[in-house]
Amino acid sequence: GGTHLPDITLVSRTAVGFAATRAHHADVGAAEPGKPARRPPG
């Protein structure tokens, strides 16, 4: 259910169901810092 790796999602269980928040982060450990914004060829 993710989109691409820099989009990190938090899902909370609530009294009525679930709350979800997804936000783009600048760096999630790619080979090149802060890159890529799109799926890499590899």
ModelCIF file with pLDDT and N, C-alpha, C, O atoms, coordinates in Angstrom:
data_MODEL
#
_entry.id   MODEL 
#
_entity.id                         1 
_entity.type                       polymer 
_entity.pdbx_number_of_molecules   1 
#
_entity_poly.entity_id                      1 
_entity_poly.type                           'polypeptide(L)' 
_entity_poly.nstd_linkage                   no 
_entity_poly.nstd_monomer                   no 
_entity_poly.pdbx_seq_one_letter_code       GGTHLPDITLVSRTAVGFAATRAHHADVGAAEPGKPARRPPG 
_entity_poly.pdbx_seq_one_letter_code_can   GGTHLPDITLVSRTAVGFAATRAHHADVGAAEPGKPARRPPG 
_entity_poly.pdbx_strand_id                 A 
#
loop_
_entity_poly_seq.entity_id 
_entity_poly_seq.num 
_entity_poly_seq.mon_id 
_entity_poly_seq.hetero 
1 1  GLY n 
1 2  GLY n 
1 3  THR n 
1 4  HIS n 
1 5  LEU n 
1 6  PRO n 
1 7  ASP n 
1 8  ILE n 
1 9  THR n 
1 10 LEU n 
1 11 VAL n 
1 12 SER n 
1 13 ARG n 
1 14 THR n 
1 15 ALA n 
1 16 VAL n 
1 17 GLY n 
1 18 PHE n 
1 19 ALA n 
1 20 ALA n 
1 21 THR n 
1 22 ARG n 
1 23 ALA n 
1 24 HIS n 
1 25 HIS n 
1 26 ALA n 
1 27 ASP n 
1 28 VAL n 
1 29 GLY n 
1 30 ALA n 
1 31 ALA n 
1 32 GLU n 
1 33 PRO n 
1 34 GLY n 
1 35 LYS n 
1 36 PRO n 
1 37 ALA n 
1 38 ARG n 
1 39 ARG n 
1 40 PRO n 
1 41 PRO n 
1 42 GLY n 
#
_struct_asym.id          A 
_struct_asym.entity_id   1 
#
loop_
_ma_qa_metric.id 
_ma_qa_metric.mode 
_ma_qa_metric.name 
_ma_qa_metric.software_group_id 
_ma_qa_metric.type 
1 global pLDDT . pLDDT 
2 local  pLDDT . pLDDT 
#
_ma_qa_metric_global.metric_id      1 
_ma_qa_metric_global.metric_value   80.67 
_ma_qa_metric_global.model_id       1 
_ma_qa_metric_global.ordinal_id     1 
#
loop_
_ma_qa_metric_local.label_asym_id 
_ma_qa_metric_local.label_comp_id 
_ma_qa_metric_local.label_seq_id 
_ma_qa_metric_local.metric_id 
_ma_qa_metric_local.metric_value 
_ma_qa_metric_local.model_id 
_ma_qa_metric_local.ordinal_id 
A GLY 1  2 93.00 1 1  
A GLY 2  2 90.00 1 2  
A THR 3  2 87.00 1 3  
A HIS 4  2 84.00 1 4  
A LEU 5  2 86.00 1 5  
A PRO 6  2 87.00 1 6  
A ASP 7  2 89.00 1 7  
A ILE 8  2 93.00 1 8  
A THR 9  2 95.00 1 9  
A LEU 10 2 96.00 1 10 
A VAL 11 2 97.00 1 11 
A SER 12 2 96.00 1 12 
A ARG 13 2 93.00 1 13 
A THR 14 2 92.00 1 14 
A ALA 15 2 90.00 1 15 
A VAL 16 2 91.00 1 16 
A GLY 17 2 96.00 1 17 
A PHE 18 2 97.00 1 18 
A ALA 19 2 96.00 1 19 
A ALA 20 2 94.00 1 20 
A THR 21 2 92.00 1 21 
A ARG 22 2 91.00 1 22 
A ALA 23 2 91.00 1 23 
A HIS 24 2 87.00 1 24 
A HIS 25 2 84.00 1 25 
A ALA 26 2 80.00 1 26 
A ASP 27 2 80.00 1 27 
A VAL 28 2 82.00 1 28 
A GLY 29 2 78.00 1 29 
A ALA 30 2 69.00 1 30 
A ALA 31 2 68.00 1 31 
A GLU 32 2 67.00 1 32 
A PRO 33 2 65.00 1 33 
A GLY 34 2 59.00 1 34 
A LYS 35 2 59.00 1 35 
A PRO 36 2 54.00 1 36 
A ALA 37 2 53.00 1 37 
A ARG 38 2 56.00 1 38 
A ARG 39 2 57.00 1 39 
A PRO 40 2 55.00 1 40 
A PRO 41 2 60.00 1 41 
A GLY 42 2 59.00 1 42 
#
loop_
_atom_site.group_PDB 
_atom_site.id 
_atom_site.type_symbol 
_atom_site.label_atom_id 
_atom_site.label_alt_id 
_atom_site.label_comp_id 
_atom_site.label_asym_id 
_atom_site.label_entity_id 
_atom_site.label_seq_id 
_atom_site.pdbx_PDB_ins_code 
_atom_site.Cartn_x 
_atom_site.Cartn_y 
_atom_site.Cartn_z 
_atom_site.occupancy 
_atom_site.B_iso_or_equiv 
_atom_site.pdbx_formal_charge 
_atom_site.auth_seq_id 
_atom_site.auth_comp_id 
_atom_site.auth_asym_id 
_atom_site.auth_atom_id 
_atom_site.pdbx_PDB_model_num 
ATOM 1   N N  . GLY A 1 1  ? 0.781   -1.234 0.000   1.00 93.00 ? 1  GLY A N  1 
ATOM 2   C CA . GLY A 1 1  ? 0.000   0.000  0.000   1.00 93.00 ? 1  GLY A CA 1 
ATOM 3   C C  . GLY A 1 1  ? 0.808   1.277  0.000   1.00 93.00 ? 1  GLY A C  1 
ATOM 4   O O  . GLY A 1 1  ? 0.238   2.362  0.117   1.00 93.00 ? 1  GLY A O  1 
ATOM 5   N N  . GLY A 1 2  ? 2.139   1.180  -0.130  1.00 90.00 ? 2  GLY A N  1 
ATOM 6   C CA . GLY A 1 2  ? 2.947   2.384  -0.252  1.00 90.00 ? 2  GLY A CA 1 
ATOM 7   C C  . GLY A 1 2  ? 2.932   2.876  -1.688  1.00 90.00 ? 2  GLY A C  1 
ATOM 8   O O  . GLY A 1 2  ? 2.426   2.187  -2.574  1.00 90.00 ? 2  GLY A O  1 
ATOM 9   N N  . THR A 1 3  ? 3.474   4.045  -1.924  1.00 87.00 ? 3  THR A N  1 
ATOM 10  C CA . THR A 1 3  ? 3.556   4.563  -3.285  1.00 87.00 ? 3  THR A CA 1 
ATOM 11  C C  . THR A 1 3  ? 4.995   4.426  -3.774  1.00 87.00 ? 3  THR A C  1 
ATOM 12  O O  . THR A 1 3  ? 5.275   3.623  -4.664  1.00 87.00 ? 3  THR A O  1 
ATOM 13  N N  . HIS A 1 4  ? 5.906   5.206  -3.196  1.00 84.00 ? 4  HIS A N  1 
ATOM 14  C CA . HIS A 1 4  ? 7.337   4.991  -3.403  1.00 84.00 ? 4  HIS A CA 1 
ATOM 15  C C  . HIS A 1 4  ? 8.002   5.247  -2.065  1.00 84.00 ? 4  HIS A C  1 
ATOM 16  O O  . HIS A 1 4  ? 7.395   5.844  -1.175  1.00 84.00 ? 4  HIS A O  1 
ATOM 17  N N  . LEU A 1 5  ? 9.233   4.807  -1.911  1.00 86.00 ? 5  LEU A N  1 
ATOM 18  C CA . LEU A 1 5  ? 9.859   4.733  -0.596  1.00 86.00 ? 5  LEU A CA 1 
ATOM 19  C C  . LEU A 1 5  ? 9.932   6.053  0.167   1.00 86.00 ? 5  LEU A C  1 
ATOM 20  O O  . LEU A 1 5  ? 9.779   6.025  1.389   1.00 86.00 ? 5  LEU A O  1 
ATOM 21  N N  . PRO A 1 6  ? 10.154  7.211  -0.466  1.00 87.00 ? 6  PRO A N  1 
ATOM 22  C CA . PRO A 1 6  ? 10.173  8.444  0.319   1.00 87.00 ? 6  PRO A CA 1 
ATOM 23  C C  . PRO A 1 6  ? 8.814   8.838  0.918   1.00 87.00 ? 6  PRO A C  1 
ATOM 24  O O  . PRO A 1 6  ? 8.758   9.695  1.800   1.00 87.00 ? 6  PRO A O  1 
ATOM 25  N N  . ASP A 1 7  ? 7.733   8.230  0.453   1.00 89.00 ? 7  ASP A N  1 
ATOM 26  C CA . ASP A 1 7  ? 6.415   8.506  1.026   1.00 89.00 ? 7  ASP A CA 1 
ATOM 27  C C  . ASP A 1 7  ? 6.186   7.549  2.194   1.00 89.00 ? 7  ASP A C  1 
ATOM 28  O O  . ASP A 1 7  ? 5.838   6.384  2.001   1.00 89.00 ? 7  ASP A O  1 
ATOM 29  N N  . ILE A 1 8  ? 6.387   8.060  3.402   1.00 93.00 ? 8  ILE A N  1 
ATOM 30  C CA . ILE A 1 8  ? 6.245   7.238  4.602   1.00 93.00 ? 8  ILE A CA 1 
ATOM 31  C C  . ILE A 1 8  ? 4.851   7.447  5.178   1.00 93.00 ? 8  ILE A C  1 
ATOM 32  O O  . ILE A 1 8  ? 4.363   8.572  5.289   1.00 93.00 ? 8  ILE A O  1 
ATOM 33  N N  . THR A 1 9  ? 4.224   6.328  5.541   1.00 95.00 ? 9  THR A N  1 
ATOM 34  C CA . THR A 1 9  ? 2.846   6.325  6.025   1.00 95.00 ? 9  THR A CA 1 
ATOM 35  C C  . THR A 1 9  ? 2.797   5.912  7.484   1.00 95.00 ? 9  THR A C  1 
ATOM 36  O O  . THR A 1 9  ? 3.463   4.964  7.899   1.00 95.00 ? 9  THR A O  1 
ATOM 37  N N  . LEU A 1 10 ? 2.001   6.633  8.254   1.00 96.00 ? 10 LEU A N  1 
ATOM 38  C CA . LEU A 1 10 ? 1.673   6.247  9.617   1.00 96.00 ? 10 LEU A CA 1 
ATOM 39  C C  . LEU A 1 10 ? 0.193   5.895  9.651   1.00 96.00 ? 10 LEU A C  1 
ATOM 40  O O  . LEU A 1 10 ? -0.645  6.653  9.164   1.00 96.00 ? 10 LEU A O  1 
ATOM 41  N N  . VAL A 1 11 ? -0.120  4.748  10.226  1.00 97.00 ? 11 VAL A N  1 
ATOM 42  C CA . VAL A 1 11 ? -1.508  4.305  10.364  1.00 97.00 ? 11 VAL A CA 1 
ATOM 43  C C  . VAL A 1 11 ? -1.781  4.096  11.843  1.00 97.00 ? 11 VAL A C  1 
ATOM 44  O O  . VAL A 1 11 ? -1.093  3.324  12.511  1.00 97.00 ? 11 VAL A O  1 
ATOM 45  N N  . SER A 1 12 ? -2.793  4.793  12.348  1.00 96.00 ? 12 SER A N  1 
ATOM 46  C CA . SER A 1 12 ? -3.173  4.698  13.759  1.00 96.00 ? 12 SER A CA 1 
ATOM 47  C C  . SER A 1 12 ? -4.522  4.020  13.886  1.00 96.00 ? 12 SER A C  1 
ATOM 48  O O  . SER A 1 12 ? -5.438  4.273  13.104  1.00 96.00 ? 12 SER A O  1 
ATOM 49  N N  . ARG A 1 13 ? -4.630  3.165  14.869  1.00 93.00 ? 13 ARG A N  1 
ATOM 50  C CA . ARG A 1 13 ? -5.910  2.549  15.207  1.00 93.00 ? 13 ARG A CA 1 
ATOM 51  C C  . ARG A 1 13 ? -6.647  3.568  16.060  1.00 93.00 ? 13 ARG A C  1 
ATOM 52  O O  . ARG A 1 13 ? -6.081  4.111  17.008  1.00 93.00 ? 13 ARG A O  1 
ATOM 53  N N  . THR A 1 14 ? -7.906  3.830  15.730  1.00 92.00 ? 14 THR A N  1 
ATOM 54  C CA . THR A 1 14 ? -8.704  4.804  16.478  1.00 92.00 ? 14 THR A CA 1 
ATOM 55  C C  . THR A 1 14 ? -9.977  4.137  16.983  1.00 92.00 ? 14 THR A C  1 
ATOM 56  O O  . THR A 1 14 ? -10.223 2.962  16.710  1.00 92.00 ? 14 THR A O  1 
ATOM 57  N N  . ALA A 1 15 ? -10.772 4.883  17.709  1.00 90.00 ? 15 ALA A N  1 
ATOM 58  C CA . ALA A 1 15 ? -12.030 4.363  18.244  1.00 90.00 ? 15 ALA A CA 1 
ATOM 59  C C  . ALA A 1 15 ? -13.018 3.982  17.140  1.00 90.00 ? 15 ALA A C  1 
ATOM 60  O O  . ALA A 1 15 ? -13.834 3.080  17.326  1.00 90.00 ? 15 ALA A O  1 
ATOM 61  N N  . VAL A 1 16 ? -12.952 4.661  15.996  1.00 91.00 ? 16 VAL A N  1 
ATOM 62  C CA . VAL A 1 16 ? -13.898 4.375  14.909  1.00 91.00 ? 16 VAL A CA 1 
ATOM 63  C C  . VAL A 1 16 ? -13.285 3.607  13.745  1.00 91.00 ? 16 VAL A C  1 
ATOM 64  O O  . VAL A 1 16 ? -13.997 3.221  12.818  1.00 91.00 ? 16 VAL A O  1 
ATOM 65  N N  . GLY A 1 17 ? -11.979 3.380  13.778  1.00 96.00 ? 17 GLY A N  1 
ATOM 66  C CA . GLY A 1 17 ? -11.334 2.673  12.673  1.00 96.00 ? 17 GLY A CA 1 
ATOM 67  C C  . GLY A 1 17 ? -9.854  2.975  12.614  1.00 96.00 ? 17 GLY A C  1 
ATOM 68  O O  . GLY A 1 17 ? -9.083  2.560  13.479  1.00 96.00 ? 17 GLY A O  1 
ATOM 69  N N  . PHE A 1 18 ? -9.462  3.716  11.566  1.00 97.00 ? 18 PHE A N  1 
ATOM 70  C CA . PHE A 1 18 ? -8.048  3.999  11.345  1.00 97.00 ? 18 PHE A CA 1 
ATOM 71  C C  . PHE A 1 18 ? -7.869  5.423  10.831  1.00 97.00 ? 18 PHE A C  1 
ATOM 72  O O  . PHE A 1 18 ? -8.729  5.962  10.134  1.00 97.00 ? 18 PHE A O  1 
ATOM 73  N N  . ALA A 1 19 ? -6.739  6.016  11.189  1.00 96.00 ? 19 ALA A N  1 
ATOM 74  C CA . ALA A 1 19 ? -6.322  7.303  10.634  1.00 96.00 ? 19 ALA A CA 1 
ATOM 75  C C  . ALA A 1 19 ? -4.986  7.066  9.940   1.00 96.00 ? 19 ALA A C  1 
ATOM 76  O O  . ALA A 1 19 ? -4.113  6.391  10.485  1.00 96.00 ? 19 ALA A O  1 
ATOM 77  N N  . ALA A 1 20 ? -4.825  7.613  8.753   1.00 94.00 ? 20 ALA A N  1 
ATOM 78  C CA . ALA A 1 20 ? -3.594  7.431  7.999   1.00 94.00 ? 20 ALA A CA 1 
ATOM 79  C C  . ALA A 1 20 ? -3.044  8.779  7.557   1.00 94.00 ? 20 ALA A C  1 
ATOM 80  O O  . ALA A 1 20 ? -3.783  9.669  7.138   1.00 94.00 ? 20 ALA A O  1 
ATOM 81  N N  . THR A 1 21 ? -1.739  8.901  7.660   1.00 92.00 ? 21 THR A N  1 
ATOM 82  C CA . THR A 1 21 ? -1.023  10.089 7.198   1.00 92.00 ? 21 THR A CA 1 
ATOM 83  C C  . THR A 1 21 ? 0.156   9.627  6.365   1.00 92.00 ? 21 THR A C  1 
ATOM 84  O O  . THR A 1 21 ? 0.928   8.769  6.793   1.00 92.00 ? 21 THR A O  1 
ATOM 85  N N  . ARG A 1 22 ? 0.293   10.187 5.189   1.00 91.00 ? 22 ARG A N  1 
ATOM 86  C CA . ARG A 1 22 ? 1.413   9.843  4.302   1.00 91.00 ? 22 ARG A CA 1 
ATOM 87  C C  . ARG A 1 22 ? 2.111   11.149 3.938   1.00 91.00 ? 22 ARG A C  1 
ATOM 88  O O  . ARG A 1 22 ? 1.458   12.119 3.554   1.00 91.00 ? 22 ARG A O  1 
ATOM 89  N N  . ALA A 1 23 ? 3.450   11.172 4.059   1.00 91.00 ? 23 ALA A N  1 
ATOM 90  C CA . ALA A 1 23 ? 4.205   12.384 3.740   1.00 91.00 ? 23 ALA A CA 1 
ATOM 91  C C  . ALA A 1 23 ? 5.533   12.017 3.094   1.00 91.00 ? 23 ALA A C  1 
ATOM 92  O O  . ALA A 1 23 ? 6.157   11.012 3.437   1.00 91.00 ? 23 ALA A O  1 
ATOM 93  N N  . HIS A 1 24 ? 5.944   12.846 2.163   1.00 87.00 ? 24 HIS A N  1 
ATOM 94  C CA . HIS A 1 24 ? 7.190   12.635 1.434   1.00 87.00 ? 24 HIS A CA 1 
ATOM 95  C C  . HIS A 1 24 ? 8.370   13.106 2.280   1.00 87.00 ? 24 HIS A C  1 
ATOM 96  O O  . HIS A 1 24 ? 8.377   14.227 2.789   1.00 87.00 ? 24 HIS A O  1 
ATOM 97  N N  . HIS A 1 25 ? 9.365   12.235 2.422   1.00 84.00 ? 25 HIS A N  1 
ATOM 98  C CA . HIS A 1 25 ? 10.581  12.550 3.169   1.00 84.00 ? 25 HIS A CA 1 
ATOM 99  C C  . HIS A 1 25 ? 11.737  12.712 2.193   1.00 84.00 ? 25 HIS A C  1 
ATOM 100 O O  . HIS A 1 25 ? 11.782  12.049 1.157   1.00 84.00 ? 25 HIS A O  1 
ATOM 101 N N  . ALA A 1 26 ? 12.666  13.592 2.527   1.00 80.00 ? 26 ALA A N  1 
ATOM 102 C CA . ALA A 1 26 ? 13.750  13.941 1.606   1.00 80.00 ? 26 ALA A CA 1 
ATOM 103 C C  . ALA A 1 26 ? 14.727  12.798 1.376   1.00 80.00 ? 26 ALA A C  1 
ATOM 104 O O  . ALA A 1 26 ? 15.284  12.681 0.285   1.00 80.00 ? 26 ALA A O  1 
ATOM 105 N N  . ASP A 1 27 ? 14.950  11.951 2.380   1.00 80.00 ? 27 ASP A N  1 
ATOM 106 C CA . ASP A 1 27 ? 15.974  10.928 2.236   1.00 80.00 ? 27 ASP A CA 1 
ATOM 107 C C  . ASP A 1 27 ? 15.594  9.695  3.048   1.00 80.00 ? 27 ASP A C  1 
ATOM 108 O O  . ASP A 1 27 ? 15.361  9.782  4.254   1.00 80.00 ? 27 ASP A O  1 
ATOM 109 N N  . VAL A 1 28 ? 15.535  8.557  2.385   1.00 82.00 ? 28 VAL A N  1 
ATOM 110 C CA . VAL A 1 28 ? 15.246  7.294  3.073   1.00 82.00 ? 28 VAL A CA 1 
ATOM 111 C C  . VAL A 1 28 ? 16.350  6.272  2.795   1.00 82.00 ? 28 VAL A C  1 
ATOM 112 O O  . VAL A 1 28 ? 16.093  5.071  2.709   1.00 82.00 ? 28 VAL A O  1 
ATOM 113 N N  . GLY A 1 29 ? 17.576  6.765  2.656   1.00 78.00 ? 29 GLY A N  1 
ATOM 114 C CA . GLY A 1 29 ? 18.721  5.882  2.538   1.00 78.00 ? 29 GLY A CA 1 
ATOM 115 C C  . GLY A 1 29 ? 19.049  5.401  1.145   1.00 78.00 ? 29 GLY A C  1 
ATOM 116 O O  . GLY A 1 29 ? 19.625  4.323  0.994   1.00 78.00 ? 29 GLY A O  1 
ATOM 117 N N  . ALA A 1 30 ? 18.704  6.159  0.123   1.00 69.00 ? 30 ALA A N  1 
ATOM 118 C CA . ALA A 1 30 ? 19.037  5.768  -1.252  1.00 69.00 ? 30 ALA A CA 1 
ATOM 119 C C  . ALA A 1 30 ? 20.546  5.836  -1.465  1.00 69.00 ? 30 ALA A C  1 
ATOM 120 O O  . ALA A 1 30 ? 21.270  6.410  -0.652  1.00 69.00 ? 30 ALA A O  1 
ATOM 121 N N  . ALA A 1 31 ? 21.012  5.249  -2.560  1.00 68.00 ? 31 ALA A N  1 
ATOM 122 C CA . ALA A 1 31 ? 22.441  5.232  -2.876  1.00 68.00 ? 31 ALA A CA 1 
ATOM 123 C C  . ALA A 1 31 ? 23.011  6.645  -2.983  1.00 68.00 ? 31 ALA A C  1 
ATOM 124 O O  . ALA A 1 31 ? 24.170  6.880  -2.641  1.00 68.00 ? 31 ALA A O  1 
ATOM 125 N N  . GLU A 1 32 ? 22.196  7.576  -3.457  1.00 67.00 ? 32 GLU A N  1 
ATOM 126 C CA . GLU A 1 32 ? 22.596  8.975  -3.586  1.00 67.00 ? 32 GLU A CA 1 
ATOM 127 C C  . GLU A 1 32 ? 21.727  9.805  -2.647  1.00 67.00 ? 32 GLU A C  1 
ATOM 128 O O  . GLU A 1 32 ? 20.505  9.785  -2.797  1.00 67.00 ? 32 GLU A O  1 
ATOM 129 N N  . PRO A 1 33 ? 22.296  10.540 -1.679  1.00 65.00 ? 33 PRO A N  1 
ATOM 130 C CA . PRO A 1 33 ? 21.504  11.276 -0.700  1.00 65.00 ? 33 PRO A CA 1 
ATOM 131 C C  . PRO A 1 33 ? 20.434  12.168 -1.331  1.00 65.00 ? 33 PRO A C  1 
ATOM 132 O O  . PRO A 1 33 ? 20.700  12.931 -2.260  1.00 65.00 ? 33 PRO A O  1 
ATOM 133 N N  . GLY A 1 34 ? 19.218  12.047 -0.799  1.00 59.00 ? 34 GLY A N  1 
ATOM 134 C CA . GLY A 1 34 ? 18.123  12.869 -1.268  1.00 59.00 ? 34 GLY A CA 1 
ATOM 135 C C  . GLY A 1 34 ? 17.556  12.469 -2.608  1.00 59.00 ? 34 GLY A C  1 
ATOM 136 O O  . GLY A 1 34 ? 16.657  13.141 -3.113  1.00 59.00 ? 34 GLY A O  1 
ATOM 137 N N  . LYS A 1 35 ? 18.046  11.405 -3.199  1.00 59.00 ? 35 LYS A N  1 
ATOM 138 C CA . LYS A 1 35 ? 17.605  10.964 -4.517  1.00 59.00 ? 35 LYS A CA 1 
ATOM 139 C C  . LYS A 1 35 ? 17.149  9.539  -4.419  1.00 59.00 ? 35 LYS A C  1 
ATOM 140 O O  . LYS A 1 35 ? 17.477  8.882  -3.430  1.00 59.00 ? 35 LYS A O  1 
ATOM 141 N N  . PRO A 1 36 ? 16.439  9.028  -5.342  1.00 54.00 ? 36 PRO A N  1 
ATOM 142 C CA . PRO A 1 36 ? 15.733  9.702  -6.418  1.00 54.00 ? 36 PRO A CA 1 
ATOM 143 C C  . PRO A 1 36 ? 14.311  10.054 -6.011  1.00 54.00 ? 36 PRO A C  1 
ATOM 144 O O  . PRO A 1 36 ? 13.780  9.511  -5.042  1.00 54.00 ? 36 PRO A O  1 
ATOM 145 N N  . ALA A 1 37 ? 13.714  10.943 -6.737  1.00 53.00 ? 37 ALA A N  1 
ATOM 146 C CA . ALA A 1 37 ? 12.322  11.302 -6.474  1.00 53.00 ? 37 ALA A CA 1 
ATOM 147 C C  . ALA A 1 37 ? 11.380  10.304 -7.129  1.00 53.00 ? 37 ALA A C  1 
ATOM 148 O O  . ALA A 1 37 ? 10.209  10.220 -6.757  1.00 53.00 ? 37 ALA A O  1 
ATOM 149 N N  . ARG A 1 38 ? 11.873  9.557  -8.090  1.00 56.00 ? 38 ARG A N  1 
ATOM 150 C CA . ARG A 1 38 ? 11.073  8.543  -8.785  1.00 56.00 ? 38 ARG A CA 1 
ATOM 151 C C  . ARG A 1 38 ? 11.765  7.196  -8.684  1.00 56.00 ? 38 ARG A C  1 
ATOM 152 O O  . ARG A 1 38 ? 12.919  7.100  -8.269  1.00 56.00 ? 38 ARG A O  1 
ATOM 153 N N  . ARG A 1 39 ? 11.048  6.174  -9.067  1.00 57.00 ? 39 ARG A N  1 
ATOM 154 C CA . ARG A 1 39 ? 11.603  4.816  -9.011  1.00 57.00 ? 39 ARG A CA 1 
ATOM 155 C C  . ARG A 1 39 ? 12.860  4.746  -9.874  1.00 57.00 ? 39 ARG A C  1 
ATOM 156 O O  . ARG A 1 39 ? 12.838  5.117  -11.048 1.00 57.00 ? 39 ARG A O  1 
ATOM 157 N N  . PRO A 1 40 ? 13.956  4.267  -9.285  1.00 55.00 ? 40 PRO A N  1 
ATOM 158 C CA . PRO A 1 40 ? 15.201  4.172  -10.049 1.00 55.00 ? 40 PRO A CA 1 
ATOM 159 C C  . PRO A 1 40 ? 15.170  3.017  -11.038 1.00 55.00 ? 40 PRO A C  1 
ATOM 160 O O  . PRO A 1 40 ? 14.398  2.074  -10.863 1.00 55.00 ? 40 PRO A O  1 
ATOM 161 N N  . PRO A 1 41 ? 16.003  3.078  -12.077 1.00 60.00 ? 41 PRO A N  1 
ATOM 162 C CA . PRO A 1 41 ? 16.023  2.018  -13.089 1.00 60.00 ? 41 PRO A CA 1 
ATOM 163 C C  . PRO A 1 41 ? 16.373  0.646  -12.511 1.00 60.00 ? 41 PRO A C  1 
ATOM 164 O O  . PRO A 1 41 ? 15.914  -0.371 -13.029 1.00 60.00 ? 41 PRO A O  1 
ATOM 165 N N  . GLY A 1 42 ? 17.178  0.601  -11.446 1.00 59.00 ? 42 GLY A N  1 
ATOM 166 C CA . GLY A 1 42 ? 17.596  -0.670 -10.864 1.00 59.00 ? 42 GLY A CA 1 
ATOM 167 C C  . GLY A 1 42 ? 16.567  -1.323 -9.967  1.00 59.00 ? 42 GLY A C  1 
ATOM 168 O O  . GLY A 1 42 ? 16.816  -2.399 -9.424  1.00 59.00 ? 42 GLY A O  1 
#
